[in-house]
Amino acid sequence: MWFALEKDEPLGFFAGIWTTHACVRKIKTGWERCELCAFLTTDPVEPVRTYHRKAMPVILTSAEDRDLWLSDAPWEVVSHLQRPLAYERLTIVEPPAKAVAGGLL
């Protein structure tokens, strides 16, 4: 299932986290330092909850929220951003057509 912001909404951004981590991911390469990233999730709301019961991405839609998330502010200051987007701000959309040899599927 594909979701989008309503047509009159500004651009949205997934709140992500990034860190360096040292570990053994493969015995062949041994100890290595990795750069890891993921997006932050929260409890789902409709229409997402019908299809994804466990979580939905944290979506930032304002420049203020985006700038705060990207700042060096401590978690105590930015943690309020880990919330679901209001249900009326999301809509279900058709998935994009898949490209296959000779055309679209």
N, C-alpha and C. Protein backbone atom coordinates (compact mmCIF):
# COMPACT_ATOMS: atom_id res chain seq x y z
N MET A 1 0.84 -1.17 0.00
CA MET A 1 0.00 0.00 0.00
C MET A 1 0.89 1.24 0.00
N TRP A 2 0.50 2.24 -0.79
CA TRP A 2 1.25 3.49 -0.89
C TRP A 2 0.44 4.63 -0.30
N PHE A 3 1.14 5.52 0.39
CA PHE A 3 0.49 6.67 1.02
C PHE A 3 1.20 7.94 0.58
N ALA A 4 0.48 9.03 0.60
CA ALA A 4 1.06 10.33 0.24
C ALA A 4 0.40 11.40 1.09
N LEU A 5 1.07 12.53 1.18
CA LEU A 5 0.45 13.70 1.79
C LEU A 5 -0.60 14.22 0.83
N GLU A 6 -1.59 14.92 1.34
CA GLU A 6 -2.60 15.52 0.47
C GLU A 6 -1.91 16.45 -0.53
N LYS A 7 -2.54 16.67 -1.68
CA LYS A 7 -1.94 17.45 -2.77
C LYS A 7 -1.53 18.86 -2.35
N ASP A 8 -2.25 19.47 -1.42
CA ASP A 8 -1.93 20.84 -1.01
C ASP A 8 -0.92 20.89 0.14
N GLU A 9 -0.41 19.73 0.55
CA GLU A 9 0.57 19.67 1.65
C GLU A 9 1.96 20.05 1.16
N PRO A 10 2.76 20.59 2.05
CA PRO A 10 4.17 20.85 1.70
C PRO A 10 4.92 19.52 1.60
N LEU A 11 6.12 19.59 1.22
CA LEU A 11 6.97 18.41 1.17
C LEU A 11 7.10 17.80 2.56
N GLY A 12 7.15 16.48 2.66
CA GLY A 12 7.32 15.81 3.94
C GLY A 12 8.65 15.08 3.98
N PHE A 13 9.15 14.87 5.18
CA PHE A 13 10.45 14.21 5.37
C PHE A 13 10.31 13.15 6.45
N PHE A 14 10.92 11.98 6.24
CA PHE A 14 11.02 10.99 7.30
C PHE A 14 12.09 11.45 8.28
N ALA A 15 11.81 11.36 9.57
CA ALA A 15 12.82 11.66 10.58
C ALA A 15 13.75 10.45 10.65
N GLY A 16 15.02 10.66 10.44
CA GLY A 16 15.98 9.57 10.45
C GLY A 16 17.03 9.74 11.53
N ILE A 17 17.70 8.65 11.82
CA ILE A 17 18.81 8.69 12.76
C ILE A 17 20.03 8.08 12.08
N TRP A 18 21.19 8.55 12.46
CA TRP A 18 22.44 8.11 11.88
C TRP A 18 23.47 7.99 12.98
N THR A 19 24.30 6.96 12.90
CA THR A 19 25.36 6.80 13.90
C THR A 19 26.48 5.95 13.31
N THR A 20 27.63 6.05 13.92
CA THR A 20 28.71 5.12 13.59
C THR A 20 28.69 4.01 14.63
N HIS A 21 29.10 2.84 14.22
CA HIS A 21 29.05 1.67 15.09
C HIS A 21 30.19 0.75 14.69
N ALA A 22 30.84 0.15 15.66
CA ALA A 22 31.91 -0.80 15.38
C ALA A 22 31.45 -2.19 15.80
N CYS A 23 31.66 -3.17 14.91
CA CYS A 23 31.23 -4.53 15.20
C CYS A 23 31.81 -5.49 14.17
N VAL A 24 31.55 -6.76 14.37
CA VAL A 24 31.87 -7.77 13.37
C VAL A 24 30.57 -8.11 12.66
N ARG A 25 30.44 -7.64 11.42
CA ARG A 25 29.24 -7.96 10.64
C ARG A 25 29.45 -9.25 9.85
N LYS A 26 30.68 -9.46 9.39
CA LYS A 26 31.05 -10.67 8.65
C LYS A 26 32.36 -11.18 9.20
N ILE A 27 32.44 -12.44 9.47
CA ILE A 27 33.67 -13.02 10.00
C ILE A 27 34.83 -12.79 9.04
N LYS A 28 34.56 -12.86 7.75
CA LYS A 28 35.60 -12.70 6.74
C LYS A 28 36.28 -11.33 6.81
N THR A 29 35.51 -10.28 7.08
CA THR A 29 36.10 -8.94 7.15
C THR A 29 36.50 -8.54 8.55
N GLY A 30 36.00 -9.24 9.57
CA GLY A 30 36.37 -8.96 10.95
C GLY A 30 35.79 -7.66 11.47
N TRP A 31 36.47 -7.11 12.46
CA TRP A 31 36.03 -5.89 13.13
C TRP A 31 36.03 -4.74 12.14
N GLU A 32 34.93 -4.02 12.07
CA GLU A 32 34.86 -2.87 11.17
C GLU A 32 33.98 -1.77 11.77
N ARG A 33 34.23 -0.58 11.30
CA ARG A 33 33.44 0.58 11.74
C ARG A 33 32.43 0.85 10.63
N CYS A 34 31.17 0.97 10.98
CA CYS A 34 30.09 1.13 10.00
C CYS A 34 29.33 2.42 10.26
N GLU A 35 28.81 3.00 9.21
CA GLU A 35 27.87 4.11 9.34
C GLU A 35 26.49 3.52 9.11
N LEU A 36 25.62 3.66 10.11
CA LEU A 36 24.30 3.06 10.06
C LEU A 36 23.23 4.14 10.11
N CYS A 37 22.12 3.88 9.44
CA CYS A 37 21.02 4.83 9.50
C CYS A 37 19.70 4.08 9.48
N ALA A 38 18.67 4.73 9.96
CA ALA A 38 17.32 4.18 9.98
C ALA A 38 16.35 5.34 10.09
N PHE A 39 15.09 5.07 9.79
CA PHE A 39 14.11 6.13 10.04
C PHE A 39 13.36 5.84 11.32
N LEU A 40 12.95 6.91 11.98
CA LEU A 40 12.25 6.83 13.25
C LEU A 40 10.79 6.46 13.00
N THR A 41 10.22 5.60 13.85
CA THR A 41 8.82 5.22 13.70
C THR A 41 8.02 5.59 14.94
N THR A 42 6.72 5.48 14.82
CA THR A 42 5.80 5.78 15.91
C THR A 42 4.56 4.91 15.75
N ASP A 43 3.62 5.03 16.66
CA ASP A 43 2.37 4.28 16.55
C ASP A 43 1.62 4.71 15.30
N PRO A 44 1.03 3.76 14.56
CA PRO A 44 0.33 4.13 13.33
C PRO A 44 -1.07 4.70 13.60
N VAL A 45 -1.52 5.53 12.68
CA VAL A 45 -2.89 6.04 12.66
C VAL A 45 -3.50 5.65 11.31
N GLU A 46 -4.81 5.75 11.20
CA GLU A 46 -5.45 5.47 9.91
C GLU A 46 -5.05 6.55 8.91
N PRO A 47 -4.92 6.24 7.63
CA PRO A 47 -5.18 4.97 7.00
C PRO A 47 -4.04 3.97 7.08
N VAL A 48 -2.91 4.34 7.65
CA VAL A 48 -1.76 3.45 7.71
C VAL A 48 -2.03 2.21 8.57
N ARG A 49 -2.68 2.38 9.71
CA ARG A 49 -2.88 1.28 10.67
C ARG A 49 -3.58 0.07 10.06
N THR A 50 -4.47 0.28 9.12
CA THR A 50 -5.17 -0.83 8.48
C THR A 50 -4.19 -1.78 7.80
N TYR A 51 -3.09 -1.27 7.29
CA TYR A 51 -2.13 -2.06 6.52
C TYR A 51 -0.83 -2.35 7.27
N HIS A 52 -0.48 -1.49 8.20
CA HIS A 52 0.76 -1.62 8.96
C HIS A 52 0.42 -1.41 10.44
N ARG A 53 0.14 -2.48 11.15
CA ARG A 53 -0.35 -2.39 12.52
C ARG A 53 0.72 -2.00 13.54
N LYS A 54 1.99 -2.27 13.26
CA LYS A 54 3.03 -2.05 14.27
C LYS A 54 3.55 -0.62 14.33
N ALA A 55 3.77 0.00 13.19
CA ALA A 55 4.41 1.32 13.22
C ALA A 55 4.23 2.04 11.90
N MET A 56 4.49 3.33 11.94
CA MET A 56 4.56 4.16 10.74
C MET A 56 5.73 5.13 10.91
N PRO A 57 6.29 5.61 9.81
CA PRO A 57 7.40 6.55 9.93
C PRO A 57 6.96 7.87 10.56
N VAL A 58 7.89 8.50 11.25
CA VAL A 58 7.66 9.86 11.74
C VAL A 58 7.87 10.77 10.53
N ILE A 59 6.82 11.52 10.19
CA ILE A 59 6.87 12.39 9.01
C ILE A 59 6.86 13.84 9.48
N LEU A 60 7.88 14.56 9.08
CA LEU A 60 8.00 15.99 9.43
C LEU A 60 7.52 16.80 8.24
N THR A 61 6.58 17.73 8.46
CA THR A 61 6.02 18.49 7.34
C THR A 61 6.30 19.98 7.40
N SER A 62 6.77 20.48 8.52
CA SER A 62 7.06 21.92 8.61
C SER A 62 8.56 22.16 8.61
N ALA A 63 8.93 23.32 8.11
CA ALA A 63 10.35 23.69 8.10
C ALA A 63 10.88 23.77 9.53
N GLU A 64 10.05 24.22 10.46
CA GLU A 64 10.48 24.34 11.86
C GLU A 64 10.79 22.96 12.45
N ASP A 65 9.90 21.99 12.22
CA ASP A 65 10.14 20.64 12.74
C ASP A 65 11.37 20.02 12.09
N ARG A 66 11.50 20.19 10.78
CA ARG A 66 12.66 19.65 10.06
C ARG A 66 13.95 20.26 10.59
N ASP A 67 13.98 21.57 10.74
CA ASP A 67 15.19 22.23 11.22
C ASP A 67 15.52 21.81 12.66
N LEU A 68 14.50 21.66 13.49
CA LEU A 68 14.74 21.21 14.86
C LEU A 68 15.30 19.79 14.85
N TRP A 69 14.73 18.91 14.03
CA TRP A 69 15.20 17.52 13.97
C TRP A 69 16.67 17.47 13.52
N LEU A 70 17.04 18.31 12.58
CA LEU A 70 18.41 18.31 12.06
C LEU A 70 19.40 19.10 12.92
N SER A 71 18.91 19.76 13.94
CA SER A 71 19.79 20.53 14.82
C SER A 71 20.55 19.59 15.76
N ASP A 72 21.39 20.16 16.55
CA ASP A 72 22.13 19.38 17.55
C ASP A 72 21.40 19.36 18.90
N ALA A 73 20.12 19.66 18.89
CA ALA A 73 19.35 19.69 20.14
C ALA A 73 19.31 18.29 20.77
N PRO A 74 19.32 18.21 22.08
CA PRO A 74 19.25 16.91 22.76
C PRO A 74 17.88 16.26 22.57
N TRP A 75 17.83 14.94 22.80
CA TRP A 75 16.60 14.18 22.64
C TRP A 75 15.43 14.78 23.43
N GLU A 76 15.68 15.28 24.60
CA GLU A 76 14.62 15.86 25.42
C GLU A 76 13.91 17.01 24.70
N VAL A 77 14.62 17.69 23.83
CA VAL A 77 14.06 18.83 23.10
C VAL A 77 13.33 18.40 21.83
N VAL A 78 13.80 17.33 21.18
CA VAL A 78 13.20 16.91 19.91
C VAL A 78 12.25 15.72 20.04
N SER A 79 12.18 15.08 21.20
CA SER A 79 11.39 13.85 21.34
C SER A 79 9.90 14.05 21.04
N HIS A 80 9.38 15.25 21.20
CA HIS A 80 7.95 15.49 20.90
C HIS A 80 7.64 15.30 19.42
N LEU A 81 8.67 15.29 18.57
CA LEU A 81 8.47 15.09 17.13
C LEU A 81 8.15 13.62 16.80
N GLN A 82 8.41 12.71 17.73
CA GLN A 82 8.10 11.30 17.49
C GLN A 82 6.62 11.06 17.77
N ARG A 83 5.81 11.47 16.79
CA ARG A 83 4.37 11.34 16.89
C ARG A 83 3.82 11.04 15.51
N PRO A 84 2.63 10.41 15.47
CA PRO A 84 2.04 10.13 14.15
C PRO A 84 1.53 11.42 13.50
N LEU A 85 1.57 11.42 12.20
CA LEU A 85 0.98 12.52 11.44
C LEU A 85 -0.54 12.41 11.57
N ALA A 86 -1.22 13.51 11.66
CA ALA A 86 -2.68 13.50 11.78
C ALA A 86 -3.30 12.73 10.61
N TYR A 87 -4.28 11.88 10.91
CA TYR A 87 -4.84 10.97 9.92
C TYR A 87 -5.38 11.68 8.68
N GLU A 88 -5.91 12.86 8.83
CA GLU A 88 -6.49 13.55 7.67
C GLU A 88 -5.44 14.11 6.72
N ARG A 89 -4.17 14.00 7.09
CA ARG A 89 -3.10 14.55 6.24
C ARG A 89 -2.52 13.51 5.29
N LEU A 90 -2.94 12.24 5.42
CA LEU A 90 -2.45 11.18 4.54
C LEU A 90 -3.57 10.66 3.66
N THR A 91 -3.20 10.23 2.47
CA THR A 91 -4.15 9.63 1.55
C THR A 91 -3.53 8.40 0.91
N ILE A 92 -4.34 7.45 0.52
CA ILE A 92 -3.87 6.26 -0.18
C ILE A 92 -3.74 6.59 -1.65
N VAL A 93 -2.64 6.17 -2.26
CA VAL A 93 -2.41 6.42 -3.69
C VAL A 93 -2.09 5.11 -4.39
N GLU A 94 -2.24 5.11 -5.70
CA GLU A 94 -1.88 3.94 -6.49
C GLU A 94 -0.36 3.78 -6.49
N PRO A 95 0.13 2.54 -6.41
CA PRO A 95 1.59 2.36 -6.49
C PRO A 95 2.08 2.72 -7.88
N PRO A 96 3.34 3.11 -7.99
CA PRO A 96 3.87 3.46 -9.30
C PRO A 96 3.93 2.22 -10.18
N ALA A 97 3.81 2.41 -11.49
CA ALA A 97 3.90 1.30 -12.43
C ALA A 97 5.30 0.72 -12.40
N LYS A 98 5.39 -0.60 -12.54
CA LYS A 98 6.70 -1.25 -12.56
C LYS A 98 7.24 -1.30 -13.98
N ALA A 99 8.51 -0.95 -14.09
CA ALA A 99 9.15 -1.00 -15.40
C ALA A 99 9.58 -2.43 -15.71
N VAL A 100 9.27 -2.89 -16.90
CA VAL A 100 9.71 -4.21 -17.37
C VAL A 100 10.29 -4.02 -18.76
N ALA A 101 11.03 -4.99 -19.22
CA ALA A 101 11.62 -4.89 -20.57
C ALA A 101 10.52 -4.63 -21.58
N GLY A 102 10.68 -3.59 -22.37
CA GLY A 102 9.72 -3.28 -23.42
C GLY A 102 8.57 -2.38 -22.99
N GLY A 103 8.53 -1.92 -21.73
CA GLY A 103 7.44 -1.03 -21.34
C GLY A 103 7.13 -1.08 -19.86
N LEU A 104 5.94 -0.64 -19.53
CA LEU A 104 5.50 -0.63 -18.13
C LEU A 104 4.57 -1.79 -17.88
N LEU A 105 4.59 -2.28 -16.67
CA LEU A 105 3.70 -3.38 -16.27
C LEU A 105 2.47 -2.81 -15.60
